Amino acid sequence: MPDMITVTRREKIATITLNRPRQLNAFTTSMVTGLEKVLIALRDDPMIRVVILAGSGKAFCAGVDIQEKSYNPLNSRIFLKTFNRVVAMVERLPQPTVAVLHGAAVAGGLELALACTFRLAARKAKIGLPEINLGLVAAVGTTYRLPRLVGFGKAVEMCLLGELMTGAEAEAAGLVNRAVDREELGKEVDILARKLAAQPPVAMSLVKDALYAAATPHEAGHCLMEILSASVNHYTEDKKEGLAAFLEKRKPDFNGR
């Protein structure tokens, strides 16, 4: 089995690739722990000045693999705490990070991208938070990272309606820094990464830390509220119905219990 998380290094730039293309790079428990190990190694590497996050195949990331046997109500809280810790690690890396959204970036995949310093997307990429349509709660930093990018009103719309937008629409909403034709995306990412790699790394890290500290002064409390909300929701009938409907490819019938 190929590695589900791969890393390539080119000069001062490291690229992390989510490598589960047949499953649209959906996260498993082992993928999350593997990503954490990679992030620790890059965080402590003085030669790396920029970290790119990308996905193999047709998607950036489709979120969490809900068909994984180990992902169930009994361990969901542990999984969410781990996933939150790893996504927060992306945000707190000393190096700037660039998410490359060439295809679908939904649910936990978008939440991972929200933690990156920059997001570049293909114009036709599908982006959004469809968890609500499955009776689920977005619980990986959405409630505090999303509003600071798109504003409270748009964040509410995205979380409660669960509709997808294109990369071009995401750029207009302020969710991504730039949307270009897919054929041009690699070139745009390379230009940005090289510009960042040429900047003074210590100054960049200090400015980045100051900006994030000012933007999210109560991050720990928000994170805990999300995890608790998702943990409670795991035992609702609506959550079970939403997942069953998804797996059976039918419209869910939510009853409010």
Protein backbone atom coordinates (compact mmCIF):
# COMPACT_ATOMS: atom_id res chain seq x y z
CA MET A 1 0.00 0.00 0.00
CA PRO A 2 1.45 3.41 -0.94
CA ASP A 3 2.00 5.99 1.78
CA MET A 4 -1.20 7.95 2.40
CA ILE A 5 0.86 11.04 3.29
CA THR A 6 3.87 11.84 1.12
CA VAL A 7 6.42 14.64 1.34
CA THR A 8 8.67 16.08 -1.34
CA ARG A 9 11.30 18.76 -0.82
CA ARG A 10 12.53 21.18 -3.45
CA GLU A 11 15.04 23.76 -2.32
CA LYS A 12 13.32 25.57 0.60
CA ILE A 13 9.81 24.35 -0.22
CA ALA A 14 8.15 21.18 1.10
CA THR A 15 4.99 19.71 -0.42
CA ILE A 16 2.74 17.45 1.65
CA THR A 17 0.40 15.37 -0.50
CA LEU A 18 -2.69 13.56 0.76
CA ASN A 19 -2.43 10.32 -1.17
CA ARG A 20 -5.68 8.35 -1.09
CA PRO A 21 -7.02 9.31 -4.51
CA ARG A 22 -9.60 6.52 -4.87
CA GLN A 23 -11.27 7.75 -1.67
CA LEU A 24 -10.83 11.42 -2.66
CA ASN A 25 -8.11 11.68 0.02
CA ALA A 26 -10.66 11.28 2.83
CA PHE A 27 -8.93 11.14 6.20
CA THR A 28 -8.56 7.96 8.20
CA THR A 29 -7.22 7.84 11.75
CA SER A 30 -3.83 6.66 10.53
CA MET A 31 -3.70 9.47 7.96
CA VAL A 32 -4.24 12.07 10.66
CA THR A 33 -1.47 10.65 12.85
CA GLY A 34 0.78 10.36 9.79
CA LEU A 35 0.18 14.00 8.92
CA GLU A 36 1.05 14.99 12.48
CA LYS A 37 4.43 13.23 12.25
CA VAL A 38 5.20 14.95 8.95
CA LEU A 39 4.25 18.37 10.33
CA ILE A 40 6.51 17.92 13.36
CA ALA A 41 9.44 17.03 11.10
CA LEU A 42 8.88 20.05 8.84
CA ARG A 43 8.29 22.39 11.78
CA ASP A 44 11.72 21.53 13.13
CA ASP A 45 13.52 21.68 9.77
CA PRO A 46 15.35 25.05 9.44
CA MET A 47 15.88 24.47 5.72
CA ILE A 48 12.14 24.53 4.95
CA ARG A 49 10.61 27.99 4.58
CA VAL A 50 7.28 27.17 2.89
CA VAL A 51 4.91 24.19 3.21
CA ILE A 52 2.42 23.34 0.46
CA LEU A 53 -0.56 21.05 1.12
CA ALA A 54 -2.00 19.26 -1.90
CA GLY A 55 -4.11 16.22 -2.77
CA SER A 56 -3.51 13.48 -5.32
CA GLY A 57 -6.05 12.52 -7.95
CA LYS A 58 -9.22 14.51 -8.58
CA ALA A 59 -9.73 16.04 -5.12
CA PHE A 60 -7.88 18.00 -2.48
CA CYS A 61 -9.72 16.24 0.36
CA ALA A 62 -13.28 15.01 0.90
CA GLY A 63 -13.06 15.24 4.69
CA VAL A 64 -13.21 12.30 7.09
CA ASP A 65 -13.78 8.77 5.80
CA ILE A 66 -17.12 7.99 7.46
CA GLN A 67 -16.88 4.38 6.33
CA GLU A 68 -13.74 3.72 8.36
CA LYS A 69 -14.62 1.05 10.93
CA SER A 70 -12.71 2.76 13.74
CA TYR A 71 -14.67 6.02 13.28
CA ASN A 72 -17.72 5.56 15.50
CA PRO A 73 -19.46 7.31 18.42
CA LEU A 74 -17.27 5.57 20.99
CA ASN A 75 -14.03 7.09 19.76
CA SER A 76 -15.26 10.10 17.79
CA ARG A 77 -14.35 12.56 20.53
CA ILE A 78 -10.79 11.22 20.67
CA PHE A 79 -10.54 11.38 16.89
CA LEU A 80 -11.85 14.95 16.78
CA LYS A 81 -9.43 16.09 19.46
CA THR A 82 -6.57 14.56 17.49
CA PHE A 83 -7.76 16.03 14.19
CA ASN A 84 -8.20 19.46 15.80
CA ARG A 85 -4.69 19.26 17.25
CA VAL A 86 -3.19 18.39 13.86
CA VAL A 87 -5.12 21.09 11.99
CA ALA A 88 -4.08 23.64 14.63
CA MET A 89 -0.49 22.51 14.10
CA VAL A 90 -0.82 23.45 10.43
CA GLU A 91 -1.94 26.93 11.45
CA ARG A 92 0.87 27.32 13.97
CA LEU A 93 3.76 26.15 11.82
CA PRO A 94 6.53 28.74 11.77
CA GLN A 95 6.49 28.50 7.98
CA PRO A 96 3.64 29.89 5.87
CA THR A 97 1.43 27.21 4.34
CA VAL A 98 -0.34 27.09 0.98
CA ALA A 99 -3.38 24.87 0.34
CA VAL A 100 -3.79 23.85 -3.31
CA LEU A 101 -7.49 23.28 -4.00
CA HIS A 102 -7.41 21.81 -7.49
CA GLY A 103 -10.57 19.77 -6.91
CA ALA A 104 -13.09 19.09 -4.17
CA ALA A 105 -12.24 20.59 -0.77
CA VAL A 106 -15.18 19.79 1.44
CA ALA A 107 -15.95 19.13 5.11
CA GLY A 108 -12.72 18.29 6.96
CA GLY A 109 -10.79 18.95 3.76
CA LEU A 110 -11.93 22.57 3.72
CA GLU A 111 -11.34 22.81 7.47
CA LEU A 112 -7.74 21.77 6.88
CA ALA A 113 -7.41 24.40 4.15
CA LEU A 114 -8.86 27.07 6.45
CA ALA A 115 -5.89 26.54 8.77
CA CYS A 116 -3.42 27.30 5.97
CA THR A 117 -1.92 30.75 5.52
CA PHE A 118 -2.93 30.89 1.85
CA ARG A 119 -5.49 29.05 -0.26
CA LEU A 120 -5.24 28.91 -4.05
CA ALA A 121 -8.01 27.18 -5.99
CA ALA A 122 -9.03 26.09 -9.45
CA ARG A 123 -11.99 28.15 -10.64
CA LYS A 124 -14.23 25.08 -10.93
CA ALA A 125 -13.14 23.35 -7.72
CA LYS A 126 -16.03 22.36 -5.44
CA ILE A 127 -15.68 23.89 -1.97
CA GLY A 128 -17.96 23.79 1.05
CA LEU A 129 -19.16 22.32 4.33
CA PRO A 130 -21.86 19.73 3.54
CA GLU A 131 -21.75 18.05 6.97
CA ILE A 132 -25.14 19.46 7.97
CA ASN A 133 -26.76 17.55 5.09
CA LEU A 134 -25.62 14.30 6.73
CA GLY A 135 -26.81 15.31 10.18
CA LEU A 136 -23.24 16.08 11.24
CA VAL A 137 -21.56 19.04 12.93
CA ALA A 138 -18.50 20.74 11.42
CA ALA A 139 -16.07 20.48 14.33
CA VAL A 140 -12.50 21.18 13.21
CA GLY A 141 -12.14 24.91 13.75
CA THR A 142 -14.92 26.02 11.41
CA THR A 143 -16.72 28.26 13.89
CA TYR A 144 -13.73 30.52 14.43
CA ARG A 145 -11.63 30.19 11.26
CA LEU A 146 -14.42 30.57 8.72
CA PRO A 147 -16.06 33.81 10.02
CA ARG A 148 -12.75 35.66 10.11
CA LEU A 149 -12.36 34.98 6.38
CA VAL A 150 -15.88 35.37 4.98
CA GLY A 151 -17.73 37.22 7.75
CA PHE A 152 -20.36 35.92 10.16
CA GLY A 153 -23.31 36.02 7.75
CA LYS A 154 -21.60 34.02 5.00
CA ALA A 155 -20.23 31.56 7.55
CA VAL A 156 -23.74 30.90 8.89
CA GLU A 157 -25.00 30.38 5.33
CA MET A 158 -22.23 27.90 4.52
CA CYS A 159 -22.61 25.91 7.75
CA LEU A 160 -26.42 25.72 7.87
CA LEU A 161 -27.20 25.20 4.18
CA GLY A 162 -24.26 22.94 3.36
CA GLU A 163 -24.16 24.13 -0.24
CA LEU A 164 -21.02 23.90 -2.33
CA MET A 165 -19.44 26.82 -4.17
CA THR A 166 -16.91 26.99 -6.96
CA GLY A 167 -13.36 28.18 -6.55
CA ALA A 168 -14.31 31.39 -8.35
CA GLU A 169 -17.18 31.97 -5.91
CA ALA A 170 -14.88 31.19 -3.00
CA GLU A 171 -12.48 33.88 -4.21
CA ALA A 172 -15.31 36.41 -4.38
CA ALA A 173 -16.34 35.47 -0.82
CA GLY A 174 -12.79 35.90 0.49
CA LEU A 175 -12.45 32.20 1.26
CA VAL A 176 -9.53 31.67 -1.11
CA ASN A 177 -6.80 34.14 -1.99
CA ARG A 178 -6.89 33.44 -5.70
CA ALA A 179 -8.81 31.26 -8.15
CA VAL A 180 -7.37 30.46 -11.57
CA ASP A 181 -7.91 27.95 -14.35
CA ARG A 182 -6.79 24.51 -13.22
CA GLU A 183 -4.08 24.43 -15.89
CA GLU A 184 -2.55 27.57 -14.37
CA LEU A 185 -2.86 26.54 -10.72
CA GLY A 186 0.51 24.82 -10.44
CA LYS A 187 2.27 27.85 -11.88
CA GLU A 188 0.48 30.23 -9.47
CA VAL A 189 1.36 28.04 -6.49
CA ASP A 190 5.00 27.93 -7.55
CA ILE A 191 5.18 31.72 -7.95
CA LEU A 192 3.67 32.29 -4.50
CA ALA A 193 5.85 29.65 -2.83
CA ARG A 194 9.03 31.10 -4.32
CA LYS A 195 8.08 34.62 -3.20
CA LEU A 196 7.48 33.39 0.34
CA ALA A 197 10.69 31.34 0.39
CA ALA A 198 12.66 34.49 -0.43
CA GLN A 199 11.23 36.42 2.53
CA PRO A 200 13.04 36.65 5.91
CA PRO A 201 11.80 33.52 7.76
CA VAL A 202 12.05 34.81 11.33
CA ALA A 203 10.18 38.03 10.58
CA MET A 204 7.51 36.12 8.65
CA SER A 205 7.00 33.70 11.52
CA LEU A 206 6.70 36.49 14.08
CA VAL A 207 4.21 38.46 11.98
CA LYS A 208 2.19 35.31 11.29
CA ASP A 209 2.01 34.45 15.01
CA ALA A 210 0.93 37.98 15.91
CA LEU A 211 -1.80 38.05 13.27
CA TYR A 212 -3.28 34.72 14.35
CA ALA A 213 -3.10 35.59 18.04
CA ALA A 214 -5.07 38.77 17.40
CA ALA A 215 -7.59 37.04 15.13
CA THR A 216 -8.47 34.19 17.49
CA PRO A 217 -7.91 35.12 21.15
CA HIS A 218 -10.27 32.41 22.48
CA GLU A 219 -9.38 29.50 20.20
CA ALA A 220 -9.24 26.84 22.95
CA GLY A 221 -12.78 27.60 24.09
CA HIS A 222 -14.15 27.52 20.55
CA CYS A 223 -12.40 24.22 19.88
CA LEU A 224 -13.84 22.63 23.02
CA MET A 225 -17.36 23.80 22.17
CA GLU A 226 -17.11 22.27 18.69
CA ILE A 227 -15.89 18.93 20.01
CA LEU A 228 -18.61 18.79 22.67
CA SER A 229 -21.28 19.69 20.12
CA ALA A 230 -20.10 16.99 17.72
CA SER A 231 -19.87 14.43 20.53
CA VAL A 232 -23.46 15.06 21.64
CA ASN A 233 -24.66 15.03 18.03
CA HIS A 234 -23.10 11.60 17.45
CA TYR A 235 -25.87 10.00 19.52
CA THR A 236 -28.83 11.62 17.76
CA GLU A 237 -31.20 9.78 15.46
CA ASP A 238 -30.73 12.49 12.84
CA LYS A 239 -27.00 11.80 12.67
CA LYS A 240 -27.64 8.07 12.18
CA GLU A 241 -30.28 8.80 9.55
CA GLY A 242 -28.03 11.26 7.71
CA LEU A 243 -25.16 8.81 7.43
CA ALA A 244 -27.46 5.93 6.48
CA ALA A 245 -29.06 8.03 3.74
CA PHE A 246 -25.64 9.02 2.42
CA LEU A 247 -24.44 5.43 2.25
CA GLU A 248 -27.72 4.26 0.71
CA LYS A 249 -27.71 7.17 -1.78
CA ARG A 250 -31.14 8.52 -0.78
CA LYS A 251 -32.58 11.72 0.68
CA PRO A 252 -32.49 11.77 4.51
CA ASP A 253 -35.64 12.11 6.61
CA PHE A 254 -34.65 14.06 9.73
CA ASN A 255 -37.02 13.93 12.74
CA GLY A 256 -35.32 16.31 15.18
CA ARG A 257 -34.26 13.64 17.65
